[in-house]
N, C-alpha and C. Protein backbone atom coordinates (compact mmCIF):
# COMPACT_ATOMS: atom_id res chain seq x y z
N MET A 1 0.91 -1.11 -0.29
CA MET A 1 0.17 -0.05 -0.27
C MET A 1 0.70 1.07 0.36
N ASP A 2 0.60 2.19 -0.99
CA ASP A 2 1.52 3.82 -0.98
C ASP A 2 0.78 4.59 -0.20
N LEU A 3 1.77 5.47 0.16
CA LEU A 3 1.20 6.87 1.07
C LEU A 3 0.04 7.26 0.47
N LEU A 4 -0.51 7.43 -0.67
CA LEU A 4 -1.63 7.97 -0.87
C LEU A 4 -2.86 7.18 -0.62
N THR A 5 -2.73 5.99 -0.80
CA THR A 5 -3.76 5.09 -0.36
C THR A 5 -3.93 4.80 1.15
N CYS A 6 -2.65 4.81 1.56
CA CYS A 6 -2.98 5.00 3.30
C CYS A 6 -3.62 5.92 3.83
N ALA A 7 -3.11 7.43 3.05
CA ALA A 7 -4.14 8.62 3.49
C ALA A 7 -5.26 8.51 3.24
N GLU A 8 -5.83 8.01 2.10
CA GLU A 8 -7.38 7.77 1.60
C GLU A 8 -8.10 7.05 2.85
N LYS A 9 -7.28 6.04 2.99
CA LYS A 9 -7.72 5.04 4.67
C LYS A 9 -8.36 5.75 5.57
N ILE A 10 -7.02 6.82 5.89
CA ILE A 10 -7.25 7.28 7.16
C ILE A 10 -8.39 8.03 7.15
N ARG A 11 -8.35 8.89 5.91
CA ARG A 11 -9.36 9.81 5.72
C ARG A 11 -10.75 9.12 5.84
N LEU A 12 -10.74 7.78 5.12
CA LEU A 12 -12.06 7.25 5.64
C LEU A 12 -12.67 6.79 6.69
N LYS A 13 -11.58 6.45 7.57
CA LYS A 13 -11.83 5.81 9.03
C LYS A 13 -12.18 7.17 9.82
N LEU A 14 -11.53 8.37 9.83
CA LEU A 14 -11.73 9.42 10.61
C LEU A 14 -13.04 9.79 10.30
N GLY A 15 -13.75 10.21 9.11
CA GLY A 15 -14.77 10.85 8.56
C GLY A 15 -14.45 12.11 8.66
N GLU A 16 -15.58 13.05 8.57
CA GLU A 16 -15.62 14.52 8.61
C GLU A 16 -15.55 15.32 10.08
N ASP A 17 -15.66 14.22 11.13
CA ASP A 17 -15.91 15.11 12.56
C ASP A 17 -15.60 14.16 13.29
N SER A 18 -14.60 13.63 13.51
CA SER A 18 -14.03 12.74 14.71
C SER A 18 -14.10 13.56 16.01
N SER A 19 -13.76 12.76 17.08
CA SER A 19 -13.66 13.09 18.17
C SER A 19 -11.74 13.51 18.23
N LEU A 20 -10.93 13.37 17.51
CA LEU A 20 -9.39 13.68 17.60
C LEU A 20 -9.33 15.02 17.93
N ASN A 21 -9.94 16.30 17.33
CA ASN A 21 -9.55 17.28 17.97
C ASN A 21 -8.20 17.64 18.23
N ALA A 22 -7.28 17.33 17.20
CA ALA A 22 -5.62 17.58 17.27
C ALA A 22 -5.16 17.12 15.83
N VAL A 23 -4.13 17.71 15.61
CA VAL A 23 -3.18 17.45 14.39
C VAL A 23 -2.09 16.38 14.55
N LEU A 24 -2.61 15.26 13.88
CA LEU A 24 -1.65 14.00 14.19
C LEU A 24 -0.90 14.13 12.74
N LYS A 25 0.37 13.55 12.79
CA LYS A 25 1.06 13.27 11.95
C LYS A 25 1.79 12.09 12.19
N PHE A 26 1.72 11.07 10.93
CA PHE A 26 2.24 9.77 10.68
C PHE A 26 3.55 10.38 9.79
N ASP A 27 4.81 9.70 10.69
CA ASP A 27 6.07 9.97 9.85
C ASP A 27 6.53 8.78 8.94
N CYS A 28 6.71 8.60 8.03
CA CYS A 28 7.16 7.16 7.59
C CYS A 28 8.53 7.30 6.79
N GLY A 29 9.23 8.48 7.59
CA GLY A 29 10.73 8.38 7.13
C GLY A 29 11.03 8.74 5.71
N SER A 30 11.58 8.52 4.86
CA SER A 30 11.77 8.73 3.63
C SER A 30 10.56 8.12 2.25
N ASP A 31 9.79 7.74 2.77
CA ASP A 31 8.42 7.63 2.16
C ASP A 31 7.49 8.76 2.35
N GLY A 32 7.58 9.70 3.43
CA GLY A 32 6.94 10.68 3.54
C GLY A 32 6.06 10.71 4.25
N VAL A 33 5.02 11.78 4.63
CA VAL A 33 4.36 11.88 5.87
C VAL A 33 2.93 12.00 5.54
N ILE A 34 1.80 11.91 6.43
CA ILE A 34 0.44 12.13 6.47
C ILE A 34 0.00 12.79 7.55
N VAL A 35 -0.30 13.79 7.13
CA VAL A 35 -1.04 14.82 8.42
C VAL A 35 -2.35 14.80 8.60
N VAL A 36 -2.63 14.81 9.70
CA VAL A 36 -4.08 14.82 9.96
C VAL A 36 -4.45 15.98 10.61
N ASP A 37 -5.27 17.11 9.95
CA ASP A 37 -5.87 18.13 10.89
C ASP A 37 -7.03 17.89 10.96
N ALA A 38 -7.56 17.51 12.69
CA ALA A 38 -8.64 17.32 13.20
C ALA A 38 -9.41 18.24 13.67
N VAL A 39 -8.55 19.15 13.86
CA VAL A 39 -9.03 20.48 14.52
C VAL A 39 -10.06 21.13 13.60
N GLN A 40 -9.61 20.72 12.33
CA GLN A 40 -10.83 21.64 11.06
C GLN A 40 -11.46 20.69 10.78
N ARG A 41 -12.75 21.60 10.65
CA ARG A 41 -14.27 20.72 10.03
C ARG A 41 -14.73 21.15 8.73
N PRO A 42 -14.53 20.14 7.61
CA PRO A 42 -13.99 18.76 7.92
C PRO A 42 -12.34 18.81 7.64
N HIS A 43 -12.33 17.59 8.27
CA HIS A 43 -11.00 17.04 8.54
C HIS A 43 -10.07 17.19 7.35
N ILE A 44 -8.86 17.89 7.69
CA ILE A 44 -7.74 18.08 6.46
C ILE A 44 -6.89 16.68 6.58
N VAL A 45 -6.61 16.02 5.33
CA VAL A 45 -5.48 14.72 5.26
C VAL A 45 -4.85 15.28 4.17
N ASP A 46 -3.63 15.73 4.48
CA ASP A 46 -2.53 16.25 3.66
C ASP A 46 -1.19 15.19 3.74
N HIS A 47 -0.14 15.86 2.89
CA HIS A 47 1.12 15.50 3.05
C HIS A 47 2.16 16.70 3.10
N LEU A 48 1.87 17.39 3.98
CA LEU A 48 2.65 18.77 4.07
C LEU A 48 3.03 18.62 5.22
N ASP A 49 4.45 18.52 5.35
CA ASP A 49 5.30 18.26 6.69
C ASP A 49 4.95 19.52 7.77
N ARG A 50 4.56 19.49 8.73
CA ARG A 50 4.57 20.73 9.39
C ARG A 50 4.32 19.99 10.91
N ASP A 51 4.41 21.01 12.07
CA ASP A 51 4.00 20.40 13.95
C ASP A 51 3.07 20.10 13.64
N ALA A 52 2.92 19.07 14.61
CA ALA A 52 1.80 18.28 15.12
C ALA A 52 1.54 18.27 16.50
N ASP A 53 0.73 18.02 17.18
CA ASP A 53 0.38 17.53 18.46
C ASP A 53 0.96 16.44 18.91
N CYS A 54 0.85 15.29 18.02
CA CYS A 54 1.46 14.04 18.17
C CYS A 54 2.27 13.32 17.14
N THR A 55 3.22 13.10 16.90
CA THR A 55 3.89 12.19 15.75
C THR A 55 3.89 10.81 15.95
N VAL A 56 3.38 10.12 15.22
CA VAL A 56 3.54 8.90 14.99
C VAL A 56 4.52 8.23 14.10
N SER A 57 5.71 7.57 14.20
CA SER A 57 7.25 7.64 13.57
C SER A 57 6.71 6.09 13.26
N LEU A 58 6.62 5.74 11.74
CA LEU A 58 6.83 4.08 11.63
C LEU A 58 6.98 3.77 10.46
N SER A 59 7.30 2.61 9.79
CA SER A 59 7.61 2.29 8.09
C SER A 59 6.26 2.54 7.59
N LEU A 60 6.35 2.66 6.17
CA LEU A 60 4.95 2.71 5.41
C LEU A 60 4.41 0.98 5.54
N PRO A 61 4.86 0.25 5.47
CA PRO A 61 4.51 -1.01 5.56
C PRO A 61 3.82 -1.37 6.82
N ASP A 62 4.30 -0.65 8.08
CA ASP A 62 3.42 -0.77 9.43
C ASP A 62 2.38 0.20 9.38
N LEU A 63 2.67 1.02 8.81
CA LEU A 63 1.39 2.14 9.02
C LEU A 63 0.27 1.45 7.67
N ALA A 64 0.65 0.67 6.76
CA ALA A 64 -0.55 -0.24 6.21
C ALA A 64 -0.92 -1.10 6.93
N LYS A 65 0.04 -1.90 7.72
CA LYS A 65 -0.77 -2.86 8.53
C LYS A 65 -1.44 -2.49 9.66
N LEU A 66 -1.53 -1.19 10.42
CA LEU A 66 -2.18 -0.64 11.24
C LEU A 66 -3.63 -0.24 10.73
N LEU A 67 -3.33 0.09 9.32
CA LEU A 67 -4.98 0.45 9.02
C LEU A 67 -5.71 -0.51 8.59
N VAL A 68 -4.94 -1.91 8.19
CA VAL A 68 -6.04 -2.85 7.80
C VAL A 68 -6.08 -4.09 8.91
N GLY A 69 -5.77 -3.41 10.27
CA GLY A 69 -5.87 -4.19 11.38
C GLY A 69 -5.32 -5.53 11.71
N GLU A 70 -3.84 -5.83 10.96
CA GLU A 70 -2.90 -6.49 10.95
C GLU A 70 -1.95 -6.35 12.39
N LEU A 71 -1.82 -5.18 12.78
CA LEU A 71 -0.94 -4.43 13.72
C LEU A 71 -1.34 -3.78 14.73
N ASN A 72 -1.43 -4.48 15.89
CA ASN A 72 -2.11 -3.81 16.97
C ASN A 72 -1.10 -2.62 17.61
N PRO A 73 -1.89 -1.35 18.12
CA PRO A 73 -1.01 -0.13 17.88
C PRO A 73 -0.35 -0.58 19.27
N VAL A 74 -1.07 -1.12 20.13
CA VAL A 74 -0.29 -1.36 21.71
C VAL A 74 0.79 -2.13 21.15
N MET A 75 0.59 -3.20 20.92
CA MET A 75 1.74 -4.36 20.39
C MET A 75 3.17 -3.47 19.54
N GLY A 76 2.76 -2.75 19.10
CA GLY A 76 3.72 -2.30 17.80
C GLY A 76 4.02 -0.90 18.84
N PHE A 77 3.67 -0.31 19.68
CA PHE A 77 4.36 0.65 20.15
C PHE A 77 5.63 -0.24 21.32
N MET A 78 4.88 -1.31 21.73
CA MET A 78 5.74 -2.20 22.70
C MET A 78 6.96 -2.92 22.06
N SER A 79 6.70 -2.86 21.17
CA SER A 79 7.69 -3.56 20.08
C SER A 79 8.87 -2.79 19.45
N GLY A 80 8.27 -1.60 19.41
CA GLY A 80 9.19 -0.29 18.65
C GLY A 80 8.92 -0.32 17.18
N GLN A 81 7.96 -0.83 16.93
CA GLN A 81 7.72 -0.55 15.43
C GLN A 81 7.03 0.33 15.31
N LEU A 82 6.46 1.22 16.06
CA LEU A 82 5.63 2.30 16.08
C LEU A 82 6.42 3.37 17.20
N LYS A 83 7.05 4.66 17.01
CA LYS A 83 7.31 5.52 18.19
C LYS A 83 6.29 6.82 18.20
N LEU A 84 6.26 7.04 19.31
CA LEU A 84 5.36 8.23 19.55
C LEU A 84 6.38 9.53 19.94
N ALA A 85 5.52 10.90 19.57
CA ALA A 85 6.39 12.28 20.18
C ALA A 85 4.99 12.94 20.36
N GLY A 86 4.98 13.93 21.30
CA GLY A 86 4.44 14.54 21.69
C GLY A 86 3.02 14.20 22.71
N ASP A 87 2.01 14.38 22.29
CA ASP A 87 0.80 14.08 23.39
C ASP A 87 0.35 13.15 23.20
N MET A 88 0.59 12.08 23.98
CA MET A 88 0.17 10.28 23.71
C MET A 88 -1.39 10.04 24.26
N SER A 89 -1.96 11.09 24.57
CA SER A 89 -3.56 11.44 24.74
C SER A 89 -3.97 11.25 23.38
N ILE A 90 -3.61 11.47 22.75
CA ILE A 90 -3.86 11.86 21.24
C ILE A 90 -3.93 10.59 20.45
N ALA A 91 -2.77 9.74 20.65
CA ALA A 91 -2.70 8.50 19.98
C ALA A 91 -3.38 7.66 20.76
N MET A 92 -3.83 7.56 21.91
CA MET A 92 -4.94 6.77 22.65
C MET A 92 -6.09 7.09 22.01
N ARG A 93 -6.62 7.96 21.87
CA ARG A 93 -8.10 8.43 20.65
C ARG A 93 -8.05 7.78 19.69
N LEU A 94 -6.69 8.00 19.03
CA LEU A 94 -6.44 7.80 17.61
C LEU A 94 -6.94 6.06 17.64
N GLN A 95 -6.24 5.61 18.80
CA GLN A 95 -6.45 3.95 18.39
C GLN A 95 -8.13 3.59 18.45
N LYS A 96 -9.07 4.52 19.02
CA LYS A 96 -10.15 4.18 19.07
C LYS A 96 -10.86 3.60 17.44
N VAL A 97 -9.67 4.93 16.19
CA VAL A 97 -10.64 5.14 15.38
C VAL A 97 -10.06 4.19 14.22
N VAL A 98 -8.78 4.01 14.34
CA VAL A 98 -8.31 2.99 13.37
C VAL A 98 -7.93 1.52 14.05
């Protein structure tokens, strides 16, 4: 799954008005970033690298697994497959969505 497909999956999972109420960035290193501005209504999902309330760093293949339910977010964090920076409570709210 490429970055654009992952972004579309995230957009569909969040809908236009989730309870996230924050800016979240998925940083896939050299593959690029997906930034979700869930403060705006409707939400904005794009690839413009900017500051976020919470950043999830992971590989693109791991992001794809996360989005299709093959990677448990807690297990991914515990095993080091994904790393968090910023407000961890946002990541916890995101877990309910993805």
